[in-house]
């Protein structure tokens, strides 16, 4: 019971503590710079370039637009399939064209990537049960997100050294 009362007292003092930390100058008269919003700091999907030093042999999305992507200082137009650090043009132009056949390369790729990041264009679309079943049969996990987030997620997982593949439609694709 006494522990709970102490916890309530500490919790009640928290707003005052935060207020005093924000308003008190640091010794020497200098003020600390405000920390950026935690939401902005930890939102990995807001920025593609999170880490500047990337090995030259590692693929990295640098930017995107409605028609394609810039990877390692090269602009690629259209849909892309990235497997084993190799970039290939990819036939689907709309989300409805993404099928097991369009991803059939994963029947022969070894080692199989741990995860396939599917960039659906501007909006996330539900993946058909047939396509999910095919991807599962290869041993991969699926992450279906909009193409902006797909690029960012690919960068993060690739930088961690995880075996990752990406199949991305340009961001301008809406259906």
C-alpha atoms as a PDB file:
ATOM      1  CA  UNK A   1       0.000   0.000   0.000  1.00  0.00           C
ATOM      2  CA  UNK A   2       2.823   2.418   0.891  1.00  0.00           C
ATOM      3  CA  UNK A   3       4.552   1.584  -2.405  1.00  0.00           C
ATOM      4  CA  UNK A   4       1.417   2.475  -4.340  1.00  0.00           C
ATOM      5  CA  UNK A   5       1.147   5.807  -2.519  1.00  0.00           C
ATOM      6  CA  UNK A   6       4.776   6.611  -3.316  1.00  0.00           C
ATOM      7  CA  UNK A   7       4.153   5.716  -6.969  1.00  0.00           C
ATOM      8  CA  UNK A   8       1.115   8.038  -7.102  1.00  0.00           C
ATOM      9  CA  UNK A   9       3.122  10.831  -5.476  1.00  0.00           C
ATOM     10  CA  UNK A  10       5.986  10.381  -7.951  1.00  0.00           C
ATOM     11  CA  UNK A  11       3.547  10.282 -10.844  1.00  0.00           C
ATOM     12  CA  UNK A  12       1.923  13.498  -9.612  1.00  0.00           C
ATOM     13  CA  UNK A  13       5.325  15.231  -9.421  1.00  0.00           C
ATOM     14  CA  UNK A  14       6.283  14.254 -12.974  1.00  0.00           C
ATOM     15  CA  UNK A  15       4.605  17.180 -14.791  1.00  0.00           C
ATOM     16  CA  UNK A  16       6.295  19.679 -12.460  1.00  0.00           C
ATOM     17  CA  UNK A  17       9.667  17.987 -12.980  1.00  0.00           C
ATOM     18  CA  UNK A  18       9.314  18.101 -16.764  1.00  0.00           C
ATOM     19  CA  UNK A  19       8.276  21.771 -16.608  1.00  0.00           C
ATOM     20  CA  UNK A  20      11.275  22.679 -14.450  1.00  0.00           C
ATOM     21  CA  UNK A  21      13.697  20.800 -16.705  1.00  0.00           C
ATOM     22  CA  UNK A  22      12.420  22.700 -19.728  1.00  0.00           C
ATOM     23  CA  UNK A  23      12.694  26.102 -18.070  1.00  0.00           C
ATOM     24  CA  UNK A  24      15.905  25.875 -15.996  1.00  0.00           C
ATOM     25  CA  UNK A  25      19.077  27.084 -17.714  1.00  0.00           C
ATOM     26  CA  UNK A  26      22.146  24.868 -17.622  1.00  0.00           C
ATOM     27  CA  UNK A  27      25.073  26.100 -15.532  1.00  0.00           C
ATOM     28  CA  UNK A  28      27.008  28.812 -17.310  1.00  0.00           C
ATOM     29  CA  UNK A  29      23.829  30.416 -18.617  1.00  0.00           C
ATOM     30  CA  UNK A  30      23.620  28.262 -21.769  1.00  0.00           C
ATOM     31  CA  UNK A  31      20.303  26.623 -22.532  1.00  0.00           C
ATOM     32  CA  UNK A  32      19.914  23.143 -23.863  1.00  0.00           C
ATOM     33  CA  UNK A  33      18.457  22.803 -27.314  1.00  0.00           C
ATOM     34  CA  UNK A  34      15.004  21.342 -27.361  1.00  0.00           C
ATOM     35  CA  UNK A  35      14.859  17.727 -28.315  1.00  0.00           C
ATOM     36  CA  UNK A  36      12.913  17.058 -31.486  1.00  0.00           C
ATOM     37  CA  UNK A  37       9.510  15.520 -31.165  1.00  0.00           C
ATOM     38  CA  UNK A  38       9.817  11.849 -30.262  1.00  0.00           C
ATOM     39  CA  UNK A  39       7.191  11.063 -32.862  1.00  0.00           C
ATOM     40  CA  UNK A  40       9.306  12.673 -35.562  1.00  0.00           C
ATOM     41  CA  UNK A  41      12.571  11.238 -34.232  1.00  0.00           C
ATOM     42  CA  UNK A  42      11.378   7.656 -34.135  1.00  0.00           C
ATOM     43  CA  UNK A  43       9.183   7.654 -37.229  1.00  0.00           C
ATOM     44  CA  UNK A  44      11.449   5.617 -39.475  1.00  0.00           C
ATOM     45  CA  UNK A  45       9.102   5.946 -42.408  1.00  0.00           C
ATOM     46  CA  UNK A  46       9.291   9.736 -42.659  1.00  0.00           C
ATOM     47  CA  UNK A  47      12.828   9.670 -43.983  1.00  0.00           C
ATOM     48  CA  UNK A  48      14.578   7.292 -46.300  1.00  0.00           C
ATOM     49  CA  UNK A  49      18.140   8.395 -45.576  1.00  0.00           C
ATOM     50  CA  UNK A  50      18.589   7.507 -41.931  1.00  0.00           C
ATOM     51  CA  UNK A  51      22.200   6.355 -42.060  1.00  0.00           C
ATOM     52  CA  UNK A  52      24.786   8.129 -44.195  1.00  0.00           C
ATOM     53  CA  UNK A  53      27.643   5.617 -44.263  1.00  0.00           C
ATOM     54  CA  UNK A  54      26.519   2.663 -46.345  1.00  0.00           C
ATOM     55  CA  UNK A  55      28.941   0.212 -47.996  1.00  0.00           C
ATOM     56  CA  UNK A  56      29.280   0.827 -51.745  1.00  0.00           C
ATOM     57  CA  UNK A  57      28.127  -2.696 -52.592  1.00  0.00           C
ATOM     58  CA  UNK A  58      24.892  -2.319 -50.632  1.00  0.00           C
ATOM     59  CA  UNK A  59      21.734  -1.086 -52.347  1.00  0.00           C
ATOM     60  CA  UNK A  60      19.998   1.886 -50.796  1.00  0.00           C
ATOM     61  CA  UNK A  61      16.837   3.737 -51.802  1.00  0.00           C
ATOM     62  CA  UNK A  62      17.686   7.424 -51.734  1.00  0.00           C
ATOM     63  CA  UNK A  63      14.452   8.923 -53.010  1.00  0.00           C
ATOM     64  CA  UNK A  64      11.257   8.164 -54.837  1.00  0.00           C
ATOM     65  CA  UNK A  65       8.717   9.973 -56.986  1.00  0.00           C
ATOM     66  CA  UNK A  66       5.488   9.088 -58.752  1.00  0.00           C
ATOM     67  CA  UNK A  67       7.282   7.242 -61.554  1.00  0.00           C
ATOM     68  CA  UNK A  68      10.234   5.484 -59.949  1.00  0.00           C
ATOM     69  CA  UNK A  69      13.074   5.371 -57.455  1.00  0.00           C
ATOM     70  CA  UNK A  70      16.620   6.600 -57.033  1.00  0.00           C
ATOM     71  CA  UNK A  71      18.905   3.830 -55.759  1.00  0.00           C
ATOM     72  CA  UNK A  72      22.637   4.375 -55.217  1.00  0.00           C
ATOM     73  CA  UNK A  73      22.532   7.584 -57.282  1.00  0.00           C
ATOM     74  CA  UNK A  74      20.807   5.934 -60.269  1.00  0.00           C
ATOM     75  CA  UNK A  75      17.219   6.807 -61.222  1.00  0.00           C
ATOM     76  CA  UNK A  76      15.038   3.808 -62.130  1.00  0.00           C
ATOM     77  CA  UNK A  77      11.654   4.279 -63.788  1.00  0.00           C
ATOM     78  CA  UNK A  78       8.769   1.878 -63.199  1.00  0.00           C
ATOM     79  CA  UNK A  79       8.305  -1.127 -60.947  1.00  0.00           C
ATOM     80  CA  UNK A  80      11.360  -2.828 -59.453  1.00  0.00           C
ATOM     81  CA  UNK A  81      12.208  -6.191 -57.965  1.00  0.00           C
ATOM     82  CA  UNK A  82      15.259  -6.275 -55.704  1.00  0.00           C
ATOM     83  CA  UNK A  83      16.693  -9.661 -54.777  1.00  0.00           C
ATOM     84  CA  UNK A  84      20.155 -10.475 -53.416  1.00  0.00           C
ATOM     85  CA  UNK A  85      21.314  -6.892 -53.856  1.00  0.00           C
ATOM     86  CA  UNK A  86      20.364  -6.967 -57.550  1.00  0.00           C
ATOM     87  CA  UNK A  87      17.850  -4.614 -59.179  1.00  0.00           C
ATOM     88  CA  UNK A  88      15.520  -5.887 -61.905  1.00  0.00           C
ATOM     89  CA  UNK A  89      12.688  -4.231 -63.749  1.00  0.00           C
ATOM     90  CA  UNK A  90       9.401  -5.810 -62.744  1.00  0.00           C
ATOM     91  CA  UNK A  91       6.412  -6.317 -65.048  1.00  0.00           C
ATOM     92  CA  UNK A  92       3.435  -5.316 -62.830  1.00  0.00           C
ATOM     93  CA  UNK A  93       2.280  -1.748 -63.448  1.00  0.00           C
ATOM     94  CA  UNK A  94      -0.681  -1.856 -61.032  1.00  0.00           C
ATOM     95  CA  UNK A  95      -1.348  -3.703 -57.805  1.00  0.00           C
ATOM     96  CA  UNK A  96      -3.878  -6.016 -59.476  1.00  0.00           C
ATOM     97  CA  UNK A  97      -1.089  -7.290 -61.772  1.00  0.00           C
ATOM     98  CA  UNK A  98       0.940  -8.633 -58.836  1.00  0.00           C
ATOM     99  CA  UNK A  99       0.559 -12.413 -58.916  1.00  0.00           C
ATOM    100  CA  UNK A 100       2.463 -15.523 -57.915  1.00  0.00           C
ATOM    101  CA  UNK A 101       3.686 -15.654 -61.515  1.00  0.00           C
ATOM    102  CA  UNK A 102       5.116 -12.127 -61.285  1.00  0.00           C
ATOM    103  CA  UNK A 103       7.049 -13.262 -58.194  1.00  0.00           C
ATOM    104  CA  UNK A 104       8.034 -16.667 -59.593  1.00  0.00           C
ATOM    105  CA  UNK A 105      11.748 -15.830 -59.270  1.00  0.00           C
ATOM    106  CA  UNK A 106      11.366 -16.794 -55.617  1.00  0.00           C
ATOM    107  CA  UNK A 107      10.844 -20.421 -56.698  1.00  0.00           C
ATOM    108  CA  UNK A 108      14.499 -20.561 -57.736  1.00  0.00           C
ATOM    109  CA  UNK A 109      16.338 -17.984 -55.585  1.00  0.00           C
ATOM    110  CA  UNK A 110      18.608 -19.510 -52.944  1.00  0.00           C
ATOM    111  CA  UNK A 111      19.045 -18.599 -50.206  1.00  0.00           C
ATOM    112  CA  UNK A 112      15.499 -17.367 -49.951  1.00  0.00           C
ATOM    113  CA  UNK A 113      15.139 -13.902 -48.378  1.00  0.00           C
ATOM    114  CA  UNK A 114      13.709 -13.746 -44.889  1.00  0.00           C
ATOM    115  CA  UNK A 115      11.132 -11.152 -45.845  1.00  0.00           C
ATOM    116  CA  UNK A 116       9.550  -9.738 -48.978  1.00  0.00           C
ATOM    117  CA  UNK A 117       8.585  -6.088 -48.751  1.00  0.00           C
ATOM    118  CA  UNK A 118       5.780  -5.385 -51.173  1.00  0.00           C
ATOM    119  CA  UNK A 119       5.449  -1.701 -52.106  1.00  0.00           C
ATOM    120  CA  UNK A 120       1.838  -1.288 -53.219  1.00  0.00           C
ATOM    121  CA  UNK A 121       2.168   2.214 -54.716  1.00  0.00           C
ATOM    122  CA  UNK A 122       0.599   5.222 -52.994  1.00  0.00           C
ATOM    123  CA  UNK A 123      -1.795   3.178 -50.838  1.00  0.00           C
ATOM    124  CA  UNK A 124      -1.693  -0.155 -49.048  1.00  0.00           C
ATOM    125  CA  UNK A 125      -3.872  -2.817 -50.666  1.00  0.00           C
ATOM    126  CA  UNK A 126      -5.047  -6.138 -49.234  1.00  0.00           C
ATOM    127  CA  UNK A 127      -3.001  -9.034 -50.563  1.00  0.00           C
ATOM    128  CA  UNK A 128      -5.026 -11.908 -52.008  1.00  0.00           C
ATOM    129  CA  UNK A 129      -5.049 -15.219 -50.117  1.00  0.00           C
ATOM    130  CA  UNK A 130      -3.519 -16.938 -53.175  1.00  0.00           C
ATOM    131  CA  UNK A 131      -0.577 -14.555 -53.252  1.00  0.00           C
ATOM    132  CA  UNK A 132      -0.082 -14.843 -49.488  1.00  0.00           C
ATOM    133  CA  UNK A 133      -0.123 -18.630 -49.800  1.00  0.00           C
ATOM    134  CA  UNK A 134       2.494 -18.529 -52.571  1.00  0.00           C
ATOM    135  CA  UNK A 135       4.798 -16.235 -50.591  1.00  0.00           C
ATOM    136  CA  UNK A 136       4.401 -18.388 -47.479  1.00  0.00           C
ATOM    137  CA  UNK A 137       5.227 -21.507 -49.556  1.00  0.00           C
ATOM    138  CA  UNK A 138       8.612 -19.979 -50.414  1.00  0.00           C
ATOM    139  CA  UNK A 139       9.447 -19.557 -46.733  1.00  0.00           C
ATOM    140  CA  UNK A 140       9.344 -15.756 -46.788  1.00  0.00           C
ATOM    141  CA  UNK A 141       7.376 -13.415 -44.604  1.00  0.00           C
ATOM    142  CA  UNK A 142       5.387 -10.668 -46.311  1.00  0.00           C
ATOM    143  CA  UNK A 143       5.186  -6.994 -45.433  1.00  0.00           C
ATOM    144  CA  UNK A 144       2.763  -5.105 -47.699  1.00  0.00           C
ATOM    145  CA  UNK A 145       3.022  -1.325 -47.310  1.00  0.00           C
ATOM    146  CA  UNK A 146       2.893   1.768 -49.504  1.00  0.00           C
ATOM    147  CA  UNK A 147       5.996   2.183 -51.665  1.00  0.00           C
ATOM    148  CA  UNK A 148       7.430   5.066 -49.627  1.00  0.00           C
ATOM    149  CA  UNK A 149       7.468   2.916 -46.511  1.00  0.00           C
ATOM    150  CA  UNK A 150       8.656  -0.094 -48.493  1.00  0.00           C
ATOM    151  CA  UNK A 151      11.772   1.822 -49.571  1.00  0.00           C
ATOM    152  CA  UNK A 152      12.512   2.935 -46.035  1.00  0.00           C
ATOM    153  CA  UNK A 153      11.900  -0.508 -44.539  1.00  0.00           C
ATOM    154  CA  UNK A 154      14.123  -2.119 -47.172  1.00  0.00           C
ATOM    155  CA  UNK A 155      16.946   0.288 -46.291  1.00  0.00           C
ATOM    156  CA  UNK A 156      16.677  -0.434 -42.599  1.00  0.00           C
ATOM    157  CA  UNK A 157      16.569  -4.225 -42.930  1.00  0.00           C
ATOM    158  CA  UNK A 158      19.321  -4.261 -45.557  1.00  0.00           C
ATOM    159  CA  UNK A 159      21.552  -2.074 -43.377  1.00  0.00           C
ATOM    160  CA  UNK A 160      21.010  -4.540 -40.539  1.00  0.00           C
ATOM    161  CA  UNK A 161      22.354  -7.257 -42.831  1.00  0.00           C
ATOM    162  CA  UNK A 162      19.084  -9.165 -42.972  1.00  0.00           C
ATOM    163  CA  UNK A 163      18.220 -11.131 -46.120  1.00  0.00           C
ATOM    164  CA  UNK A 164      15.480  -8.964 -47.599  1.00  0.00           C
ATOM    165  CA  UNK A 165      13.798  -8.611 -50.985  1.00  0.00           C
ATOM    166  CA  UNK A 166      11.600  -5.805 -52.282  1.00  0.00           C
ATOM    167  CA  UNK A 167       8.960  -5.717 -54.981  1.00  0.00           C
ATOM    168  CA  UNK A 168       7.872  -2.113 -55.410  1.00  0.00           C
ATOM    169  CA  UNK A 169       5.439  -0.258 -57.635  1.00  0.00           C
ATOM    170  CA  UNK A 170       6.127   3.457 -58.227  1.00  0.00           C
ATOM    171  CA  UNK A 171       4.587   5.731 -55.596  1.00  0.00           C
ATOM    172  CA  UNK A 172       2.267   7.302 -58.175  1.00  0.00           C
ATOM    173  CA  UNK A 173       0.377   4.019 -58.679  1.00  0.00           C
ATOM    174  CA  UNK A 174      -2.998   4.355 -56.971  1.00  0.00           C
ATOM    175  CA  UNK A 175      -4.844   1.182 -57.973  1.00  0.00           C
END
